[in-house]
């Protein structure tokens, strides 16, 4: 079993900051990409940012310059620092880990349960 657990969501005023964390544990052999997605009510789940093992990052245009993704490979943990938050950032934020459970297996995606981020105006 692979466990993916997010933390750090909450309620914040517009212009404020939050830091999300996501830790992967269990029977995982290696992790490639770690990323954050978000889903607002009535909308599809979209990529916010992701990061490779080597530190290459990718951001949605809507968060560039405001959000920063980072990871600690030794702890199998990924972070999302969110600054200058806007009401339109309100959503459930999900962590996705792409990794292998054994060296001879292909990669699979593992999702967390999500954490709510609410930005008030």
N, C-alpha and C. Protein backbone atom coordinates (compact mmCIF):
# COMPACT_ATOMS: atom_id res chain seq x y z
N UNK A 1 0.82 -1.20 0.00
CA UNK A 1 0.00 0.00 0.00
C UNK A 1 0.86 1.25 0.00
N UNK A 2 0.44 2.23 -0.76
CA UNK A 2 1.10 3.54 -0.77
C UNK A 2 0.12 4.55 -0.18
N UNK A 3 0.61 5.32 0.78
CA UNK A 3 -0.22 6.32 1.43
C UNK A 3 0.27 7.71 1.06
N UNK A 4 -0.67 8.57 0.71
CA UNK A 4 -0.36 9.95 0.35
C UNK A 4 -1.23 10.85 1.22
N UNK A 5 -0.61 11.67 2.04
CA UNK A 5 -1.36 12.47 3.01
C UNK A 5 -0.98 13.94 2.87
N UNK A 6 -2.01 14.77 2.63
CA UNK A 6 -1.80 16.22 2.53
C UNK A 6 -2.12 16.88 3.86
N UNK A 7 -1.53 18.05 4.06
CA UNK A 7 -1.86 18.87 5.23
C UNK A 7 -1.58 20.33 4.89
N UNK A 8 -2.15 21.22 5.72
CA UNK A 8 -1.82 22.63 5.59
C UNK A 8 -2.91 23.51 5.00
N UNK A 9 -4.02 22.93 4.61
CA UNK A 9 -5.09 23.76 4.07
C UNK A 9 -5.76 24.57 5.16
N UNK A 10 -6.68 25.44 4.74
CA UNK A 10 -7.40 26.24 5.72
C UNK A 10 -8.05 27.44 5.08
N UNK A 11 -8.45 28.36 5.95
CA UNK A 11 -9.12 29.59 5.53
C UNK A 11 -8.15 30.75 5.69
N UNK A 12 -8.05 31.57 4.65
CA UNK A 12 -7.13 32.70 4.68
C UNK A 12 -7.77 33.86 3.92
N UNK A 13 -7.40 35.07 4.29
CA UNK A 13 -7.91 36.24 3.58
C UNK A 13 -7.12 36.45 2.29
N UNK A 14 -7.74 37.12 1.35
CA UNK A 14 -7.07 37.45 0.10
C UNK A 14 -5.78 38.20 0.39
N UNK A 15 -4.73 37.82 -0.34
CA UNK A 15 -3.42 38.41 -0.11
C UNK A 15 -2.56 37.65 0.87
N UNK A 16 -3.17 36.69 1.56
CA UNK A 16 -2.44 35.91 2.55
C UNK A 16 -1.68 34.74 1.95
N UNK A 17 -1.11 33.93 2.83
CA UNK A 17 -0.27 32.81 2.40
C UNK A 17 -0.66 31.54 3.15
N UNK A 18 -0.42 30.43 2.49
CA UNK A 18 -0.56 29.11 3.09
C UNK A 18 0.54 28.22 2.53
N UNK A 19 0.91 27.21 3.32
CA UNK A 19 1.88 26.22 2.85
C UNK A 19 1.28 24.83 2.99
N UNK A 20 1.19 24.14 1.87
CA UNK A 20 0.68 22.78 1.86
C UNK A 20 1.85 21.80 1.87
N UNK A 21 1.63 20.68 2.54
CA UNK A 21 2.62 19.60 2.57
C UNK A 21 1.96 18.31 2.15
N UNK A 22 2.74 17.43 1.56
CA UNK A 22 2.23 16.12 1.14
C UNK A 22 3.34 15.10 1.33
N UNK A 23 3.05 14.06 2.09
CA UNK A 23 4.04 13.03 2.35
C UNK A 23 3.56 11.68 1.82
N UNK A 24 4.46 10.99 1.14
CA UNK A 24 4.17 9.64 0.65
C UNK A 24 4.88 8.63 1.53
N UNK A 25 4.17 7.55 1.84
CA UNK A 25 4.78 6.51 2.68
C UNK A 25 4.23 5.15 2.25
N UNK A 26 4.79 4.11 2.85
CA UNK A 26 4.34 2.77 2.53
C UNK A 26 5.29 2.07 1.58
N UNK A 27 4.75 1.14 0.82
CA UNK A 27 5.57 0.30 -0.04
C UNK A 27 5.81 0.96 -1.40
N UNK A 28 6.61 2.01 -1.40
CA UNK A 28 6.95 2.68 -2.65
C UNK A 28 8.46 2.61 -2.83
N UNK A 29 8.89 2.16 -4.00
CA UNK A 29 10.31 1.95 -4.27
C UNK A 29 10.99 3.23 -4.74
N UNK A 30 10.33 3.96 -5.63
CA UNK A 30 10.92 5.20 -6.14
C UNK A 30 9.80 6.14 -6.54
N UNK A 31 10.10 7.43 -6.46
CA UNK A 31 9.12 8.46 -6.85
C UNK A 31 9.72 9.30 -7.96
N UNK A 32 8.94 9.55 -8.99
CA UNK A 32 9.38 10.42 -10.08
C UNK A 32 8.78 11.80 -9.88
N UNK A 33 7.64 12.04 -10.43
CA UNK A 33 7.03 13.37 -10.35
C UNK A 33 6.11 13.47 -9.13
N UNK A 34 6.16 14.62 -8.47
CA UNK A 34 5.24 14.94 -7.38
C UNK A 34 4.53 16.23 -7.76
N UNK A 35 3.23 16.26 -7.56
CA UNK A 35 2.52 17.44 -8.02
C UNK A 35 1.30 17.78 -7.19
N UNK A 36 0.81 18.98 -7.42
CA UNK A 36 -0.41 19.47 -6.79
C UNK A 36 -1.43 19.80 -7.86
N UNK A 37 -2.65 19.39 -7.60
CA UNK A 37 -3.79 19.68 -8.45
C UNK A 37 -4.87 20.33 -7.59
N UNK A 38 -5.82 20.99 -8.23
CA UNK A 38 -6.92 21.56 -7.46
C UNK A 38 -8.22 21.41 -8.23
N UNK A 39 -9.29 21.36 -7.45
CA UNK A 39 -10.62 21.21 -8.04
C UNK A 39 -11.60 22.10 -7.29
N UNK A 40 -12.14 23.07 -8.00
CA UNK A 40 -13.16 23.95 -7.43
C UNK A 40 -14.53 23.31 -7.69
N UNK A 41 -15.55 23.68 -6.92
CA UNK A 41 -16.88 23.11 -7.10
C UNK A 41 -17.38 23.27 -8.53
N UNK A 42 -17.83 22.18 -9.12
CA UNK A 42 -18.38 22.23 -10.46
C UNK A 42 -17.36 22.31 -11.58
N UNK A 43 -16.08 22.22 -11.22
CA UNK A 43 -15.03 22.33 -12.23
C UNK A 43 -14.17 21.07 -12.25
N UNK A 44 -13.38 20.91 -13.29
CA UNK A 44 -12.51 19.76 -13.38
C UNK A 44 -11.26 19.96 -12.53
N UNK A 45 -10.58 18.85 -12.26
CA UNK A 45 -9.34 18.91 -11.50
C UNK A 45 -8.21 19.31 -12.44
N UNK A 46 -7.51 20.36 -12.07
CA UNK A 46 -6.45 20.90 -12.92
C UNK A 46 -5.10 20.89 -12.22
N UNK A 47 -4.05 20.81 -13.01
CA UNK A 47 -2.70 20.88 -12.48
C UNK A 47 -2.42 22.29 -11.95
N UNK A 48 -1.82 22.34 -10.76
CA UNK A 48 -1.34 23.61 -10.22
C UNK A 48 0.17 23.71 -10.46
N UNK A 49 0.88 22.68 -10.03
CA UNK A 49 2.34 22.66 -10.20
C UNK A 49 2.83 21.24 -9.99
N UNK A 50 3.95 20.92 -10.64
CA UNK A 50 4.59 19.65 -10.36
C UNK A 50 6.10 19.80 -10.44
N UNK A 51 6.79 18.79 -9.91
CA UNK A 51 8.24 18.86 -9.81
C UNK A 51 8.82 17.46 -9.98
N UNK A 52 9.90 17.36 -10.75
CA UNK A 52 10.55 16.07 -10.97
C UNK A 52 11.57 15.80 -9.86
N UNK A 53 12.09 14.59 -9.88
CA UNK A 53 13.12 14.22 -8.91
C UNK A 53 14.31 15.16 -9.00
N UNK A 54 14.63 15.60 -10.19
CA UNK A 54 15.77 16.49 -10.39
C UNK A 54 15.48 17.96 -10.14
N UNK A 55 14.24 18.27 -9.77
CA UNK A 55 13.90 19.64 -9.42
C UNK A 55 13.35 20.49 -10.54
N UNK A 56 13.02 19.89 -11.67
CA UNK A 56 12.40 20.65 -12.76
C UNK A 56 10.94 20.89 -12.41
N UNK A 57 10.54 22.16 -12.47
CA UNK A 57 9.19 22.53 -12.05
C UNK A 57 8.33 22.98 -13.24
N UNK A 58 7.04 22.86 -13.03
CA UNK A 58 6.06 23.25 -14.04
C UNK A 58 4.88 23.85 -13.30
N UNK A 59 4.41 25.03 -13.76
CA UNK A 59 3.33 25.73 -13.07
C UNK A 59 2.20 26.08 -14.04
N UNK A 60 1.00 26.08 -13.51
CA UNK A 60 -0.12 26.64 -14.26
C UNK A 60 0.09 28.14 -14.38
N UNK A 61 -0.34 28.71 -15.49
CA UNK A 61 -0.13 30.15 -15.72
C UNK A 61 -0.77 30.98 -14.61
N UNK A 62 -1.88 30.51 -14.08
CA UNK A 62 -2.63 31.29 -13.09
C UNK A 62 -1.91 31.43 -11.76
N UNK A 63 -0.90 30.61 -11.51
CA UNK A 63 -0.21 30.66 -10.21
C UNK A 63 1.26 31.06 -10.34
N UNK A 64 1.74 31.23 -11.55
CA UNK A 64 3.15 31.60 -11.74
C UNK A 64 3.46 32.91 -11.03
N UNK A 65 4.57 32.92 -10.32
CA UNK A 65 4.97 34.10 -9.59
C UNK A 65 4.36 34.22 -8.20
N UNK A 66 3.37 33.38 -7.90
CA UNK A 66 2.71 33.42 -6.58
C UNK A 66 2.94 32.13 -5.79
N UNK A 67 2.97 31.01 -6.47
CA UNK A 67 3.13 29.70 -5.82
C UNK A 67 4.53 29.16 -6.12
N UNK A 68 5.06 28.42 -5.15
CA UNK A 68 6.35 27.76 -5.32
C UNK A 68 6.25 26.32 -4.85
N UNK A 69 6.61 25.40 -5.73
CA UNK A 69 6.62 23.98 -5.37
C UNK A 69 8.05 23.56 -5.06
N UNK A 70 8.20 22.71 -4.06
CA UNK A 70 9.52 22.18 -3.71
C UNK A 70 9.34 20.77 -3.16
N UNK A 71 10.44 20.05 -3.04
CA UNK A 71 10.32 18.69 -2.51
C UNK A 71 11.57 18.32 -1.73
N UNK A 72 11.37 17.38 -0.81
CA UNK A 72 12.46 16.81 -0.04
C UNK A 72 12.48 15.33 -0.39
N UNK A 73 13.41 14.93 -1.24
CA UNK A 73 13.44 13.54 -1.71
C UNK A 73 13.71 12.55 -0.57
N UNK A 74 14.49 12.96 0.39
CA UNK A 74 14.81 12.06 1.51
C UNK A 74 13.57 11.76 2.35
N UNK A 75 12.62 12.68 2.36
CA UNK A 75 11.41 12.52 3.16
C UNK A 75 10.19 12.16 2.31
N UNK A 76 10.39 11.99 1.00
CA UNK A 76 9.25 11.72 0.09
C UNK A 76 8.13 12.73 0.30
N UNK A 77 8.51 13.97 0.41
CA UNK A 77 7.56 15.03 0.72
C UNK A 77 7.64 16.14 -0.31
N UNK A 78 6.47 16.68 -0.66
CA UNK A 78 6.39 17.81 -1.57
C UNK A 78 5.62 18.93 -0.88
N UNK A 79 6.03 20.15 -1.17
CA UNK A 79 5.43 21.32 -0.55
C UNK A 79 4.89 22.26 -1.63
N UNK A 80 3.89 23.05 -1.23
CA UNK A 80 3.40 24.11 -2.11
C UNK A 80 3.25 25.37 -1.27
N UNK A 81 4.13 26.32 -1.49
CA UNK A 81 4.04 27.62 -0.82
C UNK A 81 3.16 28.52 -1.68
N UNK A 82 2.07 28.97 -1.10
CA UNK A 82 1.10 29.79 -1.83
C UNK A 82 1.06 31.19 -1.23
N UNK A 83 1.47 32.17 -2.01
CA UNK A 83 1.47 33.56 -1.57
C UNK A 83 0.49 34.38 -2.42
N UNK A 84 0.16 35.56 -1.93
CA UNK A 84 -0.74 36.46 -2.65
C UNK A 84 -2.00 35.72 -3.10
N UNK A 85 -2.60 35.00 -2.18
CA UNK A 85 -3.75 34.18 -2.52
C UNK A 85 -4.94 35.03 -2.93
N UNK A 86 -5.71 34.49 -3.86
CA UNK A 86 -6.89 35.17 -4.39
C UNK A 86 -8.12 34.30 -4.14
N UNK A 87 -9.31 34.90 -4.10
CA UNK A 87 -10.53 34.09 -3.91
C UNK A 87 -10.65 32.98 -4.97
N UNK A 88 -10.18 33.22 -6.17
CA UNK A 88 -10.27 32.20 -7.23
C UNK A 88 -9.32 31.02 -7.00
N UNK A 89 -8.46 31.10 -6.00
CA UNK A 89 -7.62 29.96 -5.63
C UNK A 89 -8.37 28.97 -4.73
N UNK A 90 -9.56 29.35 -4.31
CA UNK A 90 -10.36 28.47 -3.45
C UNK A 90 -10.68 27.17 -4.18
N UNK A 91 -10.33 26.05 -3.54
CA UNK A 91 -10.52 24.74 -4.14
C UNK A 91 -10.07 23.68 -3.14
N UNK A 92 -10.34 22.43 -3.49
CA UNK A 92 -9.71 21.31 -2.79
C UNK A 92 -8.41 21.02 -3.53
N UNK A 93 -7.33 20.98 -2.79
CA UNK A 93 -6.01 20.75 -3.37
C UNK A 93 -5.61 19.29 -3.13
N UNK A 94 -5.23 18.64 -4.21
CA UNK A 94 -4.85 17.23 -4.16
C UNK A 94 -3.38 17.06 -4.52
N UNK A 95 -2.75 16.14 -3.83
CA UNK A 95 -1.37 15.78 -4.13
C UNK A 95 -1.36 14.51 -4.96
N UNK A 96 -0.53 14.47 -5.98
CA UNK A 96 -0.36 13.26 -6.80
C UNK A 96 1.10 12.88 -6.85
N UNK A 97 1.34 11.60 -6.57
CA UNK A 97 2.69 11.05 -6.61
C UNK A 97 2.74 10.04 -7.77
N UNK A 98 3.74 10.16 -8.61
CA UNK A 98 3.96 9.17 -9.66
C UNK A 98 5.21 8.39 -9.29
N UNK A 99 5.04 7.09 -9.07
CA UNK A 99 6.18 6.30 -8.63
C UNK A 99 6.00 4.83 -8.89
N UNK A 100 7.03 4.06 -8.48
CA UNK A 100 7.03 2.61 -8.67
C UNK A 100 7.03 1.90 -7.32
N UNK A 101 6.33 0.79 -7.26
CA UNK A 101 6.33 -0.01 -6.04
C UNK A 101 7.45 -1.04 -6.05
N UNK A 102 8.08 -1.25 -7.19
CA UNK A 102 9.25 -2.13 -7.30
C UNK A 102 10.02 -1.72 -8.55
N UNK A 103 11.30 -2.06 -8.62
CA UNK A 103 12.13 -1.57 -9.73
C UNK A 103 11.66 -2.14 -11.06
N UNK A 104 11.02 -3.31 -11.04
CA UNK A 104 10.62 -3.96 -12.28
C UNK A 104 9.19 -3.59 -12.70
N UNK A 105 8.56 -2.74 -11.91
CA UNK A 105 7.18 -2.34 -12.23
C UNK A 105 7.16 -1.01 -12.93
N UNK A 106 6.12 -0.79 -13.71
CA UNK A 106 5.93 0.51 -14.33
C UNK A 106 5.40 1.51 -13.32
N UNK A 107 5.46 2.79 -13.65
CA UNK A 107 4.98 3.82 -12.71
C UNK A 107 3.46 3.85 -12.60
N UNK A 108 3.00 4.24 -11.42
CA UNK A 108 1.57 4.43 -11.17
C UNK A 108 1.37 5.76 -10.47
N UNK A 109 0.14 6.26 -10.55
CA UNK A 109 -0.22 7.50 -9.86
C UNK A 109 -0.93 7.19 -8.56
N UNK A 110 -0.56 7.93 -7.53
CA UNK A 110 -1.18 7.78 -6.22
C UNK A 110 -1.65 9.16 -5.76
N UNK A 111 -2.91 9.21 -5.34
CA UNK A 111 -3.53 10.48 -4.97
C UNK A 111 -3.79 10.55 -3.47
N UNK A 112 -3.69 11.75 -2.93
CA UNK A 112 -4.12 11.98 -1.57
C UNK A 112 -5.61 12.27 -1.52
N UNK A 113 -6.12 12.46 -0.30
CA UNK A 113 -7.55 12.69 -0.09
C UNK A 113 -7.96 14.13 -0.35
N UNK A 114 -7.02 15.02 -0.39
CA UNK A 114 -7.32 16.42 -0.65
C UNK A 114 -7.38 17.25 0.61
N UNK A 115 -7.07 18.52 0.48
CA UNK A 115 -7.16 19.46 1.58
C UNK A 115 -7.81 20.74 1.07
N UNK A 116 -8.75 21.26 1.85
CA UNK A 116 -9.51 22.43 1.41
C UNK A 116 -8.73 23.72 1.65
N UNK A 117 -8.69 24.54 0.63
CA UNK A 117 -8.13 25.89 0.74
C UNK A 117 -9.25 26.87 0.39
N UNK A 118 -9.54 27.77 1.32
CA UNK A 118 -10.58 28.77 1.10
C UNK A 118 -9.98 30.15 1.29
N UNK A 119 -10.14 30.99 0.27
CA UNK A 119 -9.61 32.35 0.31
C UNK A 119 -10.79 33.31 0.31
N UNK A 120 -10.91 34.08 1.37
CA UNK A 120 -12.02 35.03 1.49
C UNK A 120 -11.60 36.39 0.94
N UNK A 121 -12.59 37.08 0.41
CA UNK A 121 -12.29 38.40 -0.19
C UNK A 121 -12.45 39.51 0.82
